[in-house]
Protein backbone atom coordinates (compact mmCIF):
# COMPACT_ATOMS: atom_id res chain seq x y z
CA MET A 1 0.00 -0.01 0.01
CA GLY A 2 1.49 3.30 -1.06
CA PHE A 3 0.84 6.76 0.29
CA THR A 4 2.27 10.26 0.11
CA LEU A 5 2.66 12.66 3.05
CA ARG A 6 2.60 16.33 1.97
CA VAL A 7 2.39 19.64 3.68
CA PRO A 8 -1.28 20.64 3.93
CA THR A 9 -2.45 23.25 1.38
CA GLU A 10 -5.07 25.94 1.95
CA GLU A 11 -7.49 23.71 0.07
CA ASP A 12 -6.90 20.91 2.55
CA ALA A 13 -8.80 22.94 5.15
CA TYR A 14 -11.96 22.22 3.14
CA VAL A 15 -11.05 18.58 2.53
CA TRP A 16 -10.33 17.95 6.26
CA HIS A 17 -13.58 19.67 7.16
CA GLU A 18 -15.47 17.30 4.86
CA LEU A 19 -13.56 14.18 5.93
CA PHE A 20 -13.88 14.87 9.65
CA ASN A 21 -17.50 16.13 9.65
CA ASP A 22 -18.56 12.72 10.87
CA PRO A 23 -19.63 11.87 14.46
CA GLU A 24 -17.68 8.59 14.36
CA VAL A 25 -14.46 10.34 13.26
CA MET A 26 -14.95 13.02 15.95
CA GLU A 27 -16.15 10.70 18.72
CA PHE A 28 -12.96 11.19 20.73
CA HIS A 29 -12.37 14.83 19.59
CA GLY A 30 -15.35 16.50 21.13
CA GLY A 31 -18.04 14.53 19.34
CA ARG A 32 -18.77 16.80 16.43
CA GLY A 33 -17.03 18.43 13.52
CA HIS A 34 -15.40 21.82 13.55
CA SER A 35 -16.01 24.82 11.31
CA VAL A 36 -13.92 25.35 8.17
CA ALA A 37 -12.23 28.22 10.00
CA VAL A 38 -10.79 25.75 12.56
CA TYR A 39 -9.23 23.74 9.72
CA GLU A 40 -8.02 26.90 7.95
CA GLU A 41 -6.13 27.79 11.12
CA LEU A 42 -4.88 24.21 11.64
CA THR A 43 -3.58 23.83 8.07
CA ALA A 44 -1.90 27.27 8.26
CA ARG A 45 -0.27 26.29 11.57
CA GLN A 46 0.95 23.04 9.97
CA ARG A 47 2.56 24.93 7.07
CA ALA A 48 4.32 27.13 9.60
CA HIS A 49 5.52 24.05 11.59
CA ASP A 50 6.92 22.53 8.41
CA ALA A 51 8.71 25.72 7.50
CA THR A 52 10.28 26.17 10.90
CA LEU A 53 10.56 22.59 12.27
CA GLY A 54 10.65 20.35 9.18
CA TYR A 55 7.64 18.33 10.30
CA CYS A 56 3.88 18.86 10.78
CA LEU A 57 0.58 17.07 10.55
CA TRP A 58 0.89 16.10 6.87
CA THR A 59 -1.99 15.44 4.56
CA VAL A 60 -2.07 11.73 3.65
CA LEU A 61 -2.68 11.04 -0.05
CA SER A 62 -3.73 7.61 -1.39
CA PRO A 63 -1.71 6.18 -4.30
CA SER A 64 -4.16 7.85 -6.66
CA GLY A 65 -3.67 11.25 -4.91
CA VAL A 66 -6.93 11.33 -2.93
CA PRO A 67 -6.62 13.07 0.48
CA LEU A 68 -7.44 10.63 3.31
CA GLY A 69 -6.81 12.83 6.38
CA PHE A 70 -3.67 13.73 8.29
CA VAL A 71 -0.80 11.97 10.06
CA GLY A 72 2.32 13.61 11.45
CA ALA A 73 3.73 15.42 14.40
CA GLN A 74 3.64 18.84 16.01
CA PRO A 75 4.66 20.44 19.30
CA TRP A 76 2.07 19.67 22.03
CA GLN A 77 -0.52 22.43 21.67
CA PRO A 78 -2.25 22.99 24.99
CA GLN A 79 0.38 24.71 27.08
CA ASP A 80 -1.49 24.61 30.37
CA TRP A 81 -1.67 20.79 30.76
CA GLY A 82 -0.34 17.62 29.22
CA PRO A 83 3.13 16.87 27.95
CA VAL A 84 4.33 20.47 27.62
CA GLY A 85 7.51 20.66 25.54
CA GLU A 86 6.99 17.29 23.88
CA ILE A 87 6.46 16.40 20.24
CA GLU A 88 3.06 14.80 19.72
CA ILE A 89 2.46 12.36 16.90
CA GLY A 90 -1.13 12.17 15.74
CA TRP A 91 -3.44 10.83 13.05
CA ARG A 92 -7.01 11.37 11.88
CA LEU A 93 -8.43 9.80 8.79
CA GLY A 94 -11.85 9.95 7.15
CA ARG A 95 -14.06 7.06 8.25
CA GLU A 96 -13.95 5.32 4.83
CA HIS A 97 -10.15 5.01 5.18
CA TRP A 98 -10.07 3.28 8.56
CA GLY A 99 -8.77 -0.27 8.90
CA GLN A 100 -6.55 -0.15 5.81
CA GLY A 101 -3.24 0.40 7.59
CA TYR A 102 -2.72 4.00 6.57
CA ALA A 103 -2.53 5.40 10.15
CA THR A 104 0.09 2.91 11.22
CA ARG A 105 2.21 3.08 8.09
CA CYS A 106 2.16 6.86 7.90
CA ALA A 107 2.90 7.12 11.60
CA GLN A 108 5.90 4.81 11.16
CA GLU A 109 7.11 7.10 8.40
CA THR A 110 6.58 10.11 10.66
CA LEU A 111 8.65 8.47 13.42
CA ARG A 112 11.37 7.66 10.93
CA ARG A 113 11.50 11.30 9.81
CA LEU A 114 11.50 12.64 13.38
CA LYS A 115 14.36 10.28 14.30
CA GLU A 116 16.35 11.48 11.27
CA MET A 117 15.86 15.03 12.46
CA GLY A 118 17.19 14.17 15.89
CA VAL A 119 13.91 14.46 17.75
CA PRO A 120 14.63 12.40 20.94
CA ARG A 121 11.08 11.32 21.82
CA ALA A 122 7.50 11.31 20.57
CA VAL A 123 4.29 11.12 22.55
CA ALA A 124 0.76 10.18 21.53
CA MET A 125 -2.23 11.36 23.47
CA VAL A 126 -5.16 8.96 23.11
CA ALA A 127 -8.63 9.25 24.65
CA GLU A 128 -9.54 6.36 26.85
CA GLY A 129 -11.86 4.07 24.91
CA ASN A 130 -10.34 5.02 21.56
CA HIS A 131 -9.23 1.43 20.94
CA ARG A 132 -8.29 2.05 17.31
CA SER A 133 -5.83 4.82 18.15
CA ALA A 134 -4.45 2.92 21.12
CA ALA A 135 -3.83 -0.05 18.82
CA VAL A 136 -1.94 2.20 16.39
CA ALA A 137 0.21 3.52 19.28
CA GLU A 138 0.93 -0.03 20.39
CA ARG A 139 1.81 -1.15 16.82
CA LEU A 140 4.32 1.74 16.84
CA GLU A 141 5.83 0.16 19.97
CA MET A 142 4.93 3.16 22.05
CA ARG A 143 4.45 2.41 25.69
CA HIS A 144 1.63 3.64 27.93
CA VAL A 145 3.30 5.83 30.58
CA GLU A 146 0.44 7.84 32.08
CA SER A 147 -3.32 8.05 32.44
CA PHE A 148 -4.81 11.50 32.98
CA THR A 149 -8.01 13.54 32.98
CA ILE A 150 -8.52 15.75 29.96
CA PRO A 151 -9.31 19.04 31.73
CA HIS A 152 -11.70 20.70 29.28
CA ARG A 153 -13.67 17.50 28.69
CA GLY A 154 -13.49 15.77 32.10
CA THR A 155 -12.77 12.49 30.32
CA ARG A 156 -9.80 10.19 30.69
CA GLY A 157 -6.86 9.81 28.32
CA ARG A 158 -3.63 7.92 27.98
CA ARG A 159 -0.17 9.19 27.13
CA TYR A 160 2.06 6.88 25.10
CA GLU A 161 5.75 7.51 24.61
CA LEU A 162 8.52 6.28 22.33
CA SER A 163 12.21 7.02 22.56
CA LEU A 164 13.71 7.85 19.15
CA ALA A 165 17.26 8.19 20.38
């Protein structure tokens, strides 16, 4: 199975909005889709991360060039809780692309790129009950190091970690 990871374009904000406007996709991300403006900001932030850091949440393209969602890494965003200062690896695909190995294979490529850049460690933050994402983290050989309460939701989550050194 082939794929391409590319820096998100301005148009990807609309694609991500469409792909993720699905209650199943958003079940562990607040339960409902976000506005296009949220994805416009997110894709712009990812372009800035790529320009300054060399990595970001990349748009995943199928072998035929169809956008499937995103996989990649970024600095941990909420600065008032969680793994402040860490590099978070993450993935989100449109529902029709689940179960095909894209998240795992693209995340493996992300970790390879991070290691090449000298990033010492990556974390994955997974909502408790999100068995699909937990399985991806475990296939990446990340280890569960902490359980926590997600402050703004009052739900539980798990932090996975992998040394890249």
